[in-house]
């Protein structure tokens, strides 16, 4: 799952640079693969996945993508995905 997440991040950065919708589609495809392979992702994963979905919504205007982004942001805020000392995404508050 970590491998697919890394590829999704690279594809997303490429999409930001190229401004090509196909790159965002590929990034989201890899986020989906990472999500399917593991349920142990922390809030950072769900937030990045949500941002990619929201960016694709701004290009296509498909409301389903916006609803999906909202669901992903909600997943990032659920207690099981929030930052804890046992979560690899943990960063102490400043």
C-alpha atoms as a PDB file:
ATOM      1  CA  UNK A   1       0.000   0.000   0.000  1.00  0.00           C
ATOM      2  CA  UNK A   2       2.861   2.354   0.828  1.00  0.00           C
ATOM      3  CA  UNK A   3       4.299   1.829  -2.659  1.00  0.00           C
ATOM      4  CA  UNK A   4       1.040   2.840  -4.360  1.00  0.00           C
ATOM      5  CA  UNK A   5       0.704   5.850  -2.062  1.00  0.00           C
ATOM      6  CA  UNK A   6       4.195   6.986  -3.075  1.00  0.00           C
ATOM      7  CA  UNK A   7       3.322   6.607  -6.759  1.00  0.00           C
ATOM      8  CA  UNK A   8       0.079   8.558  -6.190  1.00  0.00           C
ATOM      9  CA  UNK A   9       2.041  11.423  -4.625  1.00  0.00           C
ATOM     10  CA  UNK A  10       4.460  11.511  -7.565  1.00  0.00           C
ATOM     11  CA  UNK A  11       1.591  11.415 -10.084  1.00  0.00           C
ATOM     12  CA  UNK A  12      -0.161  14.218  -8.196  1.00  0.00           C
ATOM     13  CA  UNK A  13       2.956  16.393  -8.282  1.00  0.00           C
ATOM     14  CA  UNK A  14       3.271  15.672 -11.999  1.00  0.00           C
ATOM     15  CA  UNK A  15      -0.378  16.715 -12.456  1.00  0.00           C
ATOM     16  CA  UNK A  16       0.286  19.992 -10.621  1.00  0.00           C
ATOM     17  CA  UNK A  17       3.164  20.677 -12.982  1.00  0.00           C
ATOM     18  CA  UNK A  18       1.600  19.462 -16.246  1.00  0.00           C
ATOM     19  CA  UNK A  19      -2.002  20.620 -15.600  1.00  0.00           C
ATOM     20  CA  UNK A  20      -3.154  17.495 -17.469  1.00  0.00           C
ATOM     21  CA  UNK A  21      -6.342  15.800 -16.181  1.00  0.00           C
ATOM     22  CA  UNK A  22      -4.990  12.358 -17.108  1.00  0.00           C
ATOM     23  CA  UNK A  23      -2.226  12.771 -14.530  1.00  0.00           C
ATOM     24  CA  UNK A  24      -4.823  13.511 -11.837  1.00  0.00           C
ATOM     25  CA  UNK A  25      -6.836  10.466 -12.945  1.00  0.00           C
ATOM     26  CA  UNK A  26      -3.717   8.320 -12.599  1.00  0.00           C
ATOM     27  CA  UNK A  27      -2.906   9.784  -9.178  1.00  0.00           C
ATOM     28  CA  UNK A  28      -6.415   9.030  -7.944  1.00  0.00           C
ATOM     29  CA  UNK A  29      -6.191   5.523  -9.371  1.00  0.00           C
ATOM     30  CA  UNK A  30      -3.065   4.888  -7.296  1.00  0.00           C
ATOM     31  CA  UNK A  31      -4.665   6.436  -4.192  1.00  0.00           C
ATOM     32  CA  UNK A  32      -7.572   4.010  -4.692  1.00  0.00           C
ATOM     33  CA  UNK A  33      -5.188   1.050  -4.969  1.00  0.00           C
ATOM     34  CA  UNK A  34      -3.397   2.104  -1.791  1.00  0.00           C
ATOM     35  CA  UNK A  35      -6.714   2.509   0.042  1.00  0.00           C
ATOM     36  CA  UNK A  36      -7.899  -0.927  -1.117  1.00  0.00           C
ATOM     37  CA  UNK A  37      -4.728  -2.643   0.094  1.00  0.00           C
ATOM     38  CA  UNK A  38      -4.683  -1.230   3.603  1.00  0.00           C
ATOM     39  CA  UNK A  39      -7.114   0.224   6.100  1.00  0.00           C
ATOM     40  CA  UNK A  40      -4.297   1.507   8.316  1.00  0.00           C
ATOM     41  CA  UNK A  41      -3.744   4.836   6.593  1.00  0.00           C
ATOM     42  CA  UNK A  42      -3.547   7.945   8.726  1.00  0.00           C
ATOM     43  CA  UNK A  43      -5.055  11.345   8.258  1.00  0.00           C
ATOM     44  CA  UNK A  44      -2.332  12.586   5.901  1.00  0.00           C
ATOM     45  CA  UNK A  45      -3.163   9.881   3.341  1.00  0.00           C
ATOM     46  CA  UNK A  46      -6.895  10.673   3.362  1.00  0.00           C
ATOM     47  CA  UNK A  47      -6.189  14.401   3.173  1.00  0.00           C
ATOM     48  CA  UNK A  48      -3.890  14.023   0.148  1.00  0.00           C
ATOM     49  CA  UNK A  49      -6.393  11.717  -1.541  1.00  0.00           C
ATOM     50  CA  UNK A  50      -9.149  14.268  -0.895  1.00  0.00           C
ATOM     51  CA  UNK A  51      -7.107  17.133  -2.321  1.00  0.00           C
ATOM     52  CA  UNK A  52      -6.447  15.178  -5.526  1.00  0.00           C
ATOM     53  CA  UNK A  53     -10.165  14.399  -5.859  1.00  0.00           C
ATOM     54  CA  UNK A  54     -11.089  18.031  -5.256  1.00  0.00           C
ATOM     55  CA  UNK A  55      -8.580  19.198  -7.861  1.00  0.00           C
ATOM     56  CA  UNK A  56     -10.081  16.819 -10.407  1.00  0.00           C
ATOM     57  CA  UNK A  57     -13.533  18.182  -9.525  1.00  0.00           C
ATOM     58  CA  UNK A  58     -12.364  21.702 -10.333  1.00  0.00           C
ATOM     59  CA  UNK A  59     -11.323  20.512 -13.797  1.00  0.00           C
ATOM     60  CA  UNK A  60     -14.315  18.287 -14.630  1.00  0.00           C
ATOM     61  CA  UNK A  61     -17.053  19.822 -12.513  1.00  0.00           C
ATOM     62  CA  UNK A  62     -18.480  16.367 -11.740  1.00  0.00           C
ATOM     63  CA  UNK A  63     -20.294  16.662  -8.406  1.00  0.00           C
ATOM     64  CA  UNK A  64     -19.472  13.008  -7.606  1.00  0.00           C
ATOM     65  CA  UNK A  65     -15.806  13.980  -7.313  1.00  0.00           C
ATOM     66  CA  UNK A  66     -16.652  16.742  -4.845  1.00  0.00           C
ATOM     67  CA  UNK A  67     -18.782  14.390  -2.749  1.00  0.00           C
ATOM     68  CA  UNK A  68     -15.922  11.871  -2.784  1.00  0.00           C
ATOM     69  CA  UNK A  69     -13.451  14.563  -1.688  1.00  0.00           C
ATOM     70  CA  UNK A  70     -15.724  15.500   1.224  1.00  0.00           C
ATOM     71  CA  UNK A  71     -15.924  11.836   2.263  1.00  0.00           C
ATOM     72  CA  UNK A  72     -12.133  11.578   2.142  1.00  0.00           C
ATOM     73  CA  UNK A  73     -11.676  14.728   4.234  1.00  0.00           C
ATOM     74  CA  UNK A  74     -14.180  13.318   6.715  1.00  0.00           C
ATOM     75  CA  UNK A  75     -12.139  10.095   6.874  1.00  0.00           C
ATOM     76  CA  UNK A  76      -9.060  12.188   7.653  1.00  0.00           C
ATOM     77  CA  UNK A  77     -10.881  13.661  10.644  1.00  0.00           C
ATOM     78  CA  UNK A  78     -12.271  10.448  12.121  1.00  0.00           C
ATOM     79  CA  UNK A  79     -10.747   9.524  15.479  1.00  0.00           C
ATOM     80  CA  UNK A  80      -9.170   6.291  14.233  1.00  0.00           C
ATOM     81  CA  UNK A  81      -7.229   8.228  11.573  1.00  0.00           C
ATOM     82  CA  UNK A  82      -6.311  11.217  13.717  1.00  0.00           C
ATOM     83  CA  UNK A  83      -2.769  11.767  14.830  1.00  0.00           C
ATOM     84  CA  UNK A  84      -1.790   9.706  17.832  1.00  0.00           C
ATOM     85  CA  UNK A  85       1.587   8.600  19.101  1.00  0.00           C
ATOM     86  CA  UNK A  86       0.954   5.127  17.646  1.00  0.00           C
ATOM     87  CA  UNK A  87       0.122   6.553  14.221  1.00  0.00           C
ATOM     88  CA  UNK A  88       3.019   6.952  11.787  1.00  0.00           C
ATOM     89  CA  UNK A  89       1.563  10.318  10.734  1.00  0.00           C
ATOM     90  CA  UNK A  90       1.958  11.670  14.275  1.00  0.00           C
ATOM     91  CA  UNK A  91       3.585  15.051  14.574  1.00  0.00           C
ATOM     92  CA  UNK A  92       3.610  16.806  17.934  1.00  0.00           C
ATOM     93  CA  UNK A  93       1.628  20.038  18.135  1.00  0.00           C
ATOM     94  CA  UNK A  94       3.691  23.206  17.951  1.00  0.00           C
END
